[in-house]
């Protein structure tokens, strides 16, 4: 069984081909803006799903121009759906540019098969994305460290505090932190309260790799 995710703009035709072509379609989840034309398109998509007997959930986004906020919401929904072992497919053809970009970002990070629908011919085009999860390129301990840093973003720890919190020797933590810095998901900066110490922070967007 497959869950089809999608972003929807003003044209229901951008999502409909994927609804019709997805084999073993269990349900449809799609995101749209608060614009009246998007709501009209939503009605058409829900009508098609009703005709096909496929459950559908339409999610109206309060800010269709906030890439990070949209990506975070989509990622959370995808993670919940994947816990059941269900296959995921994503159509990124509709919505604001930032909405479809946020969806594409999640698909790249999570290795989700991704489809684009041509604006004029409505032909489905499969994007050549590797089906790999970026988070898998972190060790279990590195994921744990990153999750801790994300959870404590407002009060970033220094290396000693981080090592104690996660039960790791300081030299071992130093090794992990250097690797995470090299991978671009962690940054180290001076502590304004202690010139001898450095604070460790998760980079913006690191939330999309943990959870």
C-alpha atoms as a PDB file:
ATOM      1  CA  UNK A   1       0.000   0.000   0.000  1.00  0.00           C
ATOM      2  CA  UNK A   2       1.140   3.547  -0.752  1.00  0.00           C
ATOM      3  CA  UNK A   3       0.384   6.963   0.708  1.00  0.00           C
ATOM      4  CA  UNK A   4       0.549   9.779  -1.812  1.00  0.00           C
ATOM      5  CA  UNK A   5       1.664  13.147  -0.463  1.00  0.00           C
ATOM      6  CA  UNK A   6       1.415  16.280  -2.557  1.00  0.00           C
ATOM      7  CA  UNK A   7       1.502  20.054  -2.719  1.00  0.00           C
ATOM      8  CA  UNK A   8      -1.423  21.784  -4.403  1.00  0.00           C
ATOM      9  CA  UNK A   9      -1.697  25.196  -5.996  1.00  0.00           C
ATOM     10  CA  UNK A  10      -4.530  26.572  -8.089  1.00  0.00           C
ATOM     11  CA  UNK A  11      -4.737  23.679 -10.554  1.00  0.00           C
ATOM     12  CA  UNK A  12      -6.093  20.333  -9.373  1.00  0.00           C
ATOM     13  CA  UNK A  13      -4.676  18.826 -12.586  1.00  0.00           C
ATOM     14  CA  UNK A  14      -1.180  19.046 -11.092  1.00  0.00           C
ATOM     15  CA  UNK A  15      -2.052  16.418  -8.484  1.00  0.00           C
ATOM     16  CA  UNK A  16      -4.745  14.335 -10.140  1.00  0.00           C
ATOM     17  CA  UNK A  17      -2.472  12.310 -12.480  1.00  0.00           C
ATOM     18  CA  UNK A  18      -0.539  10.945  -9.504  1.00  0.00           C
ATOM     19  CA  UNK A  19      -3.737  10.041  -7.683  1.00  0.00           C
ATOM     20  CA  UNK A  20      -4.898   8.077 -10.709  1.00  0.00           C
ATOM     21  CA  UNK A  21      -1.551   6.370 -11.407  1.00  0.00           C
ATOM     22  CA  UNK A  22      -0.489   5.306  -7.900  1.00  0.00           C
ATOM     23  CA  UNK A  23      -0.986   1.566  -7.483  1.00  0.00           C
ATOM     24  CA  UNK A  24      -2.291   0.319  -4.150  1.00  0.00           C
ATOM     25  CA  UNK A  25      -3.199   3.855  -3.099  1.00  0.00           C
ATOM     26  CA  UNK A  26      -4.137   3.780   0.579  1.00  0.00           C
ATOM     27  CA  UNK A  27      -4.746   7.490   1.112  1.00  0.00           C
ATOM     28  CA  UNK A  28      -3.823  10.961  -0.105  1.00  0.00           C
ATOM     29  CA  UNK A  29      -2.364  13.782   1.984  1.00  0.00           C
ATOM     30  CA  UNK A  30      -1.841  17.174   0.386  1.00  0.00           C
ATOM     31  CA  UNK A  31      -0.914  20.699   1.425  1.00  0.00           C
ATOM     32  CA  UNK A  32      -2.294  23.974   0.083  1.00  0.00           C
ATOM     33  CA  UNK A  33      -2.384  27.680   0.895  1.00  0.00           C
ATOM     34  CA  UNK A  34      -5.284  29.738   2.277  1.00  0.00           C
ATOM     35  CA  UNK A  35      -5.896  31.319  -1.146  1.00  0.00           C
ATOM     36  CA  UNK A  36      -9.452  30.908  -2.448  1.00  0.00           C
ATOM     37  CA  UNK A  37      -8.211  29.425  -5.726  1.00  0.00           C
ATOM     38  CA  UNK A  38      -6.238  26.804  -3.778  1.00  0.00           C
ATOM     39  CA  UNK A  39      -9.328  25.983  -1.759  1.00  0.00           C
ATOM     40  CA  UNK A  40     -11.308  25.577  -4.983  1.00  0.00           C
ATOM     41  CA  UNK A  41      -8.621  23.213  -6.297  1.00  0.00           C
ATOM     42  CA  UNK A  42      -8.750  21.330  -2.992  1.00  0.00           C
ATOM     43  CA  UNK A  43     -12.477  20.693  -3.502  1.00  0.00           C
ATOM     44  CA  UNK A  44     -11.819  19.188  -6.936  1.00  0.00           C
ATOM     45  CA  UNK A  45      -9.109  16.883  -5.578  1.00  0.00           C
ATOM     46  CA  UNK A  46     -11.277  15.757  -2.671  1.00  0.00           C
ATOM     47  CA  UNK A  47     -14.120  15.120  -5.112  1.00  0.00           C
ATOM     48  CA  UNK A  48     -11.875  12.874  -7.228  1.00  0.00           C
ATOM     49  CA  UNK A  49     -10.661  10.976  -4.173  1.00  0.00           C
ATOM     50  CA  UNK A  50     -14.257  10.488  -3.066  1.00  0.00           C
ATOM     51  CA  UNK A  51     -15.171   9.101  -6.490  1.00  0.00           C
ATOM     52  CA  UNK A  52     -12.240   6.660  -6.306  1.00  0.00           C
ATOM     53  CA  UNK A  53     -13.043   5.697  -2.731  1.00  0.00           C
ATOM     54  CA  UNK A  54      -9.649   6.862  -1.476  1.00  0.00           C
ATOM     55  CA  UNK A  55      -9.444   8.672   1.891  1.00  0.00           C
ATOM     56  CA  UNK A  56      -7.884  12.124   1.566  1.00  0.00           C
ATOM     57  CA  UNK A  57      -6.606  14.715   4.012  1.00  0.00           C
ATOM     58  CA  UNK A  58      -6.187  18.343   2.935  1.00  0.00           C
ATOM     59  CA  UNK A  59      -3.914  20.477   5.111  1.00  0.00           C
ATOM     60  CA  UNK A  60      -4.185  24.242   4.790  1.00  0.00           C
ATOM     61  CA  UNK A  61      -0.912  25.996   5.597  1.00  0.00           C
ATOM     62  CA  UNK A  62      -1.157  29.334   7.403  1.00  0.00           C
ATOM     63  CA  UNK A  63       2.023  30.610   5.736  1.00  0.00           C
ATOM     64  CA  UNK A  64       2.689  29.129   2.311  1.00  0.00           C
ATOM     65  CA  UNK A  65       5.926  31.135   2.010  1.00  0.00           C
ATOM     66  CA  UNK A  66       7.788  29.843   5.072  1.00  0.00           C
ATOM     67  CA  UNK A  67      10.041  27.121   3.664  1.00  0.00           C
ATOM     68  CA  UNK A  68      11.387  25.833   6.964  1.00  0.00           C
ATOM     69  CA  UNK A  69       7.998  25.772   8.692  1.00  0.00           C
ATOM     70  CA  UNK A  70       6.426  23.883   5.786  1.00  0.00           C
ATOM     71  CA  UNK A  71       9.328  21.429   5.528  1.00  0.00           C
ATOM     72  CA  UNK A  72       9.128  20.721   9.258  1.00  0.00           C
ATOM     73  CA  UNK A  73       5.385  19.992   9.065  1.00  0.00           C
ATOM     74  CA  UNK A  74       5.758  17.766   5.996  1.00  0.00           C
ATOM     75  CA  UNK A  75       8.655  15.853   7.529  1.00  0.00           C
ATOM     76  CA  UNK A  76       6.707  15.213  10.737  1.00  0.00           C
ATOM     77  CA  UNK A  77       3.746  13.879   8.743  1.00  0.00           C
ATOM     78  CA  UNK A  78       5.967  11.661   6.584  1.00  0.00           C
ATOM     79  CA  UNK A  79       7.774  10.242   9.632  1.00  0.00           C
ATOM     80  CA  UNK A  80       4.433   9.342  11.273  1.00  0.00           C
ATOM     81  CA  UNK A  81       3.236   7.614   8.107  1.00  0.00           C
ATOM     82  CA  UNK A  82       6.479   5.684   7.679  1.00  0.00           C
ATOM     83  CA  UNK A  83       6.252   4.141  11.146  1.00  0.00           C
ATOM     84  CA  UNK A  84       3.642   1.725   9.812  1.00  0.00           C
ATOM     85  CA  UNK A  85       6.032   0.586   7.085  1.00  0.00           C
ATOM     86  CA  UNK A  86       3.798   2.089   4.417  1.00  0.00           C
ATOM     87  CA  UNK A  87       5.382   3.205   1.138  1.00  0.00           C
ATOM     88  CA  UNK A  88       5.473   6.949   0.499  1.00  0.00           C
ATOM     89  CA  UNK A  89       5.284   8.802  -2.801  1.00  0.00           C
ATOM     90  CA  UNK A  90       5.331  12.580  -3.246  1.00  0.00           C
ATOM     91  CA  UNK A  91       3.973  14.893  -5.943  1.00  0.00           C
ATOM     92  CA  UNK A  92       5.639  18.333  -5.747  1.00  0.00           C
ATOM     93  CA  UNK A  93       3.976  19.918  -8.783  1.00  0.00           C
ATOM     94  CA  UNK A  94       1.710  22.456  -7.074  1.00  0.00           C
ATOM     95  CA  UNK A  95       1.622  25.211  -4.492  1.00  0.00           C
ATOM     96  CA  UNK A  96       3.843  28.235  -3.984  1.00  0.00           C
ATOM     97  CA  UNK A  97       7.435  27.936  -5.107  1.00  0.00           C
ATOM     98  CA  UNK A  98       8.549  27.713  -1.495  1.00  0.00           C
ATOM     99  CA  UNK A  99       5.924  25.085  -0.711  1.00  0.00           C
ATOM    100  CA  UNK A 100       7.057  22.783  -3.501  1.00  0.00           C
ATOM    101  CA  UNK A 101      10.701  23.546  -2.668  1.00  0.00           C
ATOM    102  CA  UNK A 102      10.112  22.584   0.968  1.00  0.00           C
ATOM    103  CA  UNK A 103       8.508  19.333  -0.149  1.00  0.00           C
ATOM    104  CA  UNK A 104      11.421  18.597  -2.496  1.00  0.00           C
ATOM    105  CA  UNK A 105      13.878  19.269   0.341  1.00  0.00           C
ATOM    106  CA  UNK A 106      12.116  16.711   2.549  1.00  0.00           C
ATOM    107  CA  UNK A 107      12.056  14.196  -0.302  1.00  0.00           C
ATOM    108  CA  UNK A 108      15.791  14.602  -0.873  1.00  0.00           C
ATOM    109  CA  UNK A 109      16.620  14.284   2.834  1.00  0.00           C
ATOM    110  CA  UNK A 110      14.365  11.280   3.356  1.00  0.00           C
ATOM    111  CA  UNK A 111      14.864   9.466   0.037  1.00  0.00           C
ATOM    112  CA  UNK A 112      11.215   9.619  -1.053  1.00  0.00           C
ATOM    113  CA  UNK A 113      10.236   8.803  -4.671  1.00  0.00           C
ATOM    114  CA  UNK A 114       9.248  12.160  -6.121  1.00  0.00           C
ATOM    115  CA  UNK A 115       7.048  13.120  -9.059  1.00  0.00           C
ATOM    116  CA  UNK A 116       6.606  16.352 -10.971  1.00  0.00           C
ATOM    117  CA  UNK A 117       3.683  16.949 -13.346  1.00  0.00           C
ATOM    118  CA  UNK A 118       4.314  18.987 -16.517  1.00  0.00           C
ATOM    119  CA  UNK A 119       2.467  22.319 -16.527  1.00  0.00           C
ATOM    120  CA  UNK A 120       1.013  21.906 -20.021  1.00  0.00           C
ATOM    121  CA  UNK A 121       0.868  18.202 -20.858  1.00  0.00           C
ATOM    122  CA  UNK A 122       0.205  16.993 -17.281  1.00  0.00           C
ATOM    123  CA  UNK A 123       2.687  14.205 -17.925  1.00  0.00           C
ATOM    124  CA  UNK A 124       4.151  12.691 -14.780  1.00  0.00           C
ATOM    125  CA  UNK A 125       7.919  12.984 -14.532  1.00  0.00           C
ATOM    126  CA  UNK A 126       9.806  10.913 -11.959  1.00  0.00           C
ATOM    127  CA  UNK A 127      12.684  12.869 -10.465  1.00  0.00           C
ATOM    128  CA  UNK A 128      16.009  10.974 -10.348  1.00  0.00           C
ATOM    129  CA  UNK A 129      16.516  11.065  -6.584  1.00  0.00           C
ATOM    130  CA  UNK A 130      18.518   8.459  -4.709  1.00  0.00           C
ATOM    131  CA  UNK A 131      16.363   6.562  -2.260  1.00  0.00           C
ATOM    132  CA  UNK A 132      18.595   7.148   0.719  1.00  0.00           C
ATOM    133  CA  UNK A 133      18.011   8.855   4.025  1.00  0.00           C
ATOM    134  CA  UNK A 134      20.530  11.573   4.818  1.00  0.00           C
ATOM    135  CA  UNK A 135      20.223  10.824   8.544  1.00  0.00           C
ATOM    136  CA  UNK A 136      21.606   7.337   7.872  1.00  0.00           C
ATOM    137  CA  UNK A 137      24.968   8.983   7.175  1.00  0.00           C
ATOM    138  CA  UNK A 138      25.204   9.856  10.863  1.00  0.00           C
ATOM    139  CA  UNK A 139      26.172   7.268  13.441  1.00  0.00           C
ATOM    140  CA  UNK A 140      23.714   6.468  16.232  1.00  0.00           C
ATOM    141  CA  UNK A 141      25.762   8.584  18.660  1.00  0.00           C
ATOM    142  CA  UNK A 142      25.981  11.475  16.185  1.00  0.00           C
ATOM    143  CA  UNK A 143      22.200  11.417  15.748  1.00  0.00           C
ATOM    144  CA  UNK A 144      21.827  11.433  19.528  1.00  0.00           C
ATOM    145  CA  UNK A 145      24.144  14.433  19.820  1.00  0.00           C
ATOM    146  CA  UNK A 146      22.348  16.299  17.053  1.00  0.00           C
ATOM    147  CA  UNK A 147      18.945  15.587  18.603  1.00  0.00           C
ATOM    148  CA  UNK A 148      20.188  16.931  21.936  1.00  0.00           C
ATOM    149  CA  UNK A 149      21.512  20.101  20.307  1.00  0.00           C
ATOM    150  CA  UNK A 150      18.243  20.639  18.459  1.00  0.00           C
ATOM    151  CA  UNK A 151      16.258  20.186  21.686  1.00  0.00           C
ATOM    152  CA  UNK A 152      18.546  22.662  23.491  1.00  0.00           C
ATOM    153  CA  UNK A 153      18.898  25.168  20.687  1.00  0.00           C
ATOM    154  CA  UNK A 154      17.941  28.073  22.976  1.00  0.00           C
ATOM    155  CA  UNK A 155      20.680  27.169  25.484  1.00  0.00           C
ATOM    156  CA  UNK A 156      23.542  25.604  23.518  1.00  0.00           C
ATOM    157  CA  UNK A 157      26.019  23.631  25.660  1.00  0.00           C
ATOM    158  CA  UNK A 158      29.783  23.674  25.634  1.00  0.00           C
ATOM    159  CA  UNK A 159      31.651  20.477  24.881  1.00  0.00           C
ATOM    160  CA  UNK A 160      32.094  19.463  28.529  1.00  0.00           C
ATOM    161  CA  UNK A 161      28.404  19.925  29.323  1.00  0.00           C
ATOM    162  CA  UNK A 162      27.411  18.020  26.187  1.00  0.00           C
ATOM    163  CA  UNK A 163      29.737  15.120  27.039  1.00  0.00           C
ATOM    164  CA  UNK A 164      28.329  14.846  30.577  1.00  0.00           C
ATOM    165  CA  UNK A 165      24.735  15.053  29.385  1.00  0.00           C
ATOM    166  CA  UNK A 166      25.204  12.151  26.972  1.00  0.00           C
ATOM    167  CA  UNK A 167      27.597  10.085  29.078  1.00  0.00           C
ATOM    168  CA  UNK A 168      30.535  10.371  26.688  1.00  0.00           C
ATOM    169  CA  UNK A 169      34.187  11.015  27.470  1.00  0.00           C
ATOM    170  CA  UNK A 170      35.212  14.569  26.513  1.00  0.00           C
ATOM    171  CA  UNK A 171      37.824  13.420  23.992  1.00  0.00           C
ATOM    172  CA  UNK A 172      35.266  11.144  22.337  1.00  0.00           C
ATOM    173  CA  UNK A 173      32.755  13.994  22.219  1.00  0.00           C
ATOM    174  CA  UNK A 174      35.393  16.220  20.647  1.00  0.00           C
ATOM    175  CA  UNK A 175      35.843  13.629  17.889  1.00  0.00           C
ATOM    176  CA  UNK A 176      32.063  13.438  17.240  1.00  0.00           C
ATOM    177  CA  UNK A 177      31.677  17.212  17.232  1.00  0.00           C
ATOM    178  CA  UNK A 178      34.474  17.621  14.676  1.00  0.00           C
ATOM    179  CA  UNK A 179      32.791  15.075  12.408  1.00  0.00           C
ATOM    180  CA  UNK A 180      29.414  16.804  12.751  1.00  0.00           C
ATOM    181  CA  UNK A 181      31.022  20.169  11.975  1.00  0.00           C
ATOM    182  CA  UNK A 182      32.618  18.657   8.866  1.00  0.00           C
ATOM    183  CA  UNK A 183      29.207  17.354   7.778  1.00  0.00           C
ATOM    184  CA  UNK A 184      27.708  20.827   8.160  1.00  0.00           C
ATOM    185  CA  UNK A 185      25.063  20.065  10.794  1.00  0.00           C
ATOM    186  CA  UNK A 186      26.868  21.525  13.824  1.00  0.00           C
ATOM    187  CA  UNK A 187      28.762  24.770  14.368  1.00  0.00           C
ATOM    188  CA  UNK A 188      31.078  25.819  17.174  1.00  0.00           C
ATOM    189  CA  UNK A 189      31.344  29.415  18.348  1.00  0.00           C
ATOM    190  CA  UNK A 190      32.750  31.403  21.280  1.00  0.00           C
ATOM    191  CA  UNK A 191      30.901  31.527  24.592  1.00  0.00           C
ATOM    192  CA  UNK A 192      30.247  35.215  25.384  1.00  0.00           C
ATOM    193  CA  UNK A 193      30.303  34.400  29.110  1.00  0.00           C
ATOM    194  CA  UNK A 194      33.559  32.431  29.063  1.00  0.00           C
ATOM    195  CA  UNK A 195      36.320  33.235  26.588  1.00  0.00           C
ATOM    196  CA  UNK A 196      37.983  29.873  27.284  1.00  0.00           C
ATOM    197  CA  UNK A 197      34.891  27.875  26.254  1.00  0.00           C
ATOM    198  CA  UNK A 198      33.016  27.347  23.012  1.00  0.00           C
ATOM    199  CA  UNK A 199      29.314  26.697  22.516  1.00  0.00           C
ATOM    200  CA  UNK A 200      28.057  23.965  20.215  1.00  0.00           C
ATOM    201  CA  UNK A 201      24.940  24.599  18.145  1.00  0.00           C
ATOM    202  CA  UNK A 202      22.914  22.655  15.613  1.00  0.00           C
ATOM    203  CA  UNK A 203      22.871  24.523  12.304  1.00  0.00           C
ATOM    204  CA  UNK A 204      19.580  25.962  11.026  1.00  0.00           C
ATOM    205  CA  UNK A 205      17.436  23.227   9.527  1.00  0.00           C
ATOM    206  CA  UNK A 206      19.123  20.375  11.426  1.00  0.00           C
ATOM    207  CA  UNK A 207      15.684  19.562  12.839  1.00  0.00           C
ATOM    208  CA  UNK A 208      14.868  17.960   9.498  1.00  0.00           C
ATOM    209  CA  UNK A 209      17.460  15.238  10.144  1.00  0.00           C
ATOM    210  CA  UNK A 210      16.304  14.110  13.574  1.00  0.00           C
ATOM    211  CA  UNK A 211      13.071  13.102  15.199  1.00  0.00           C
END
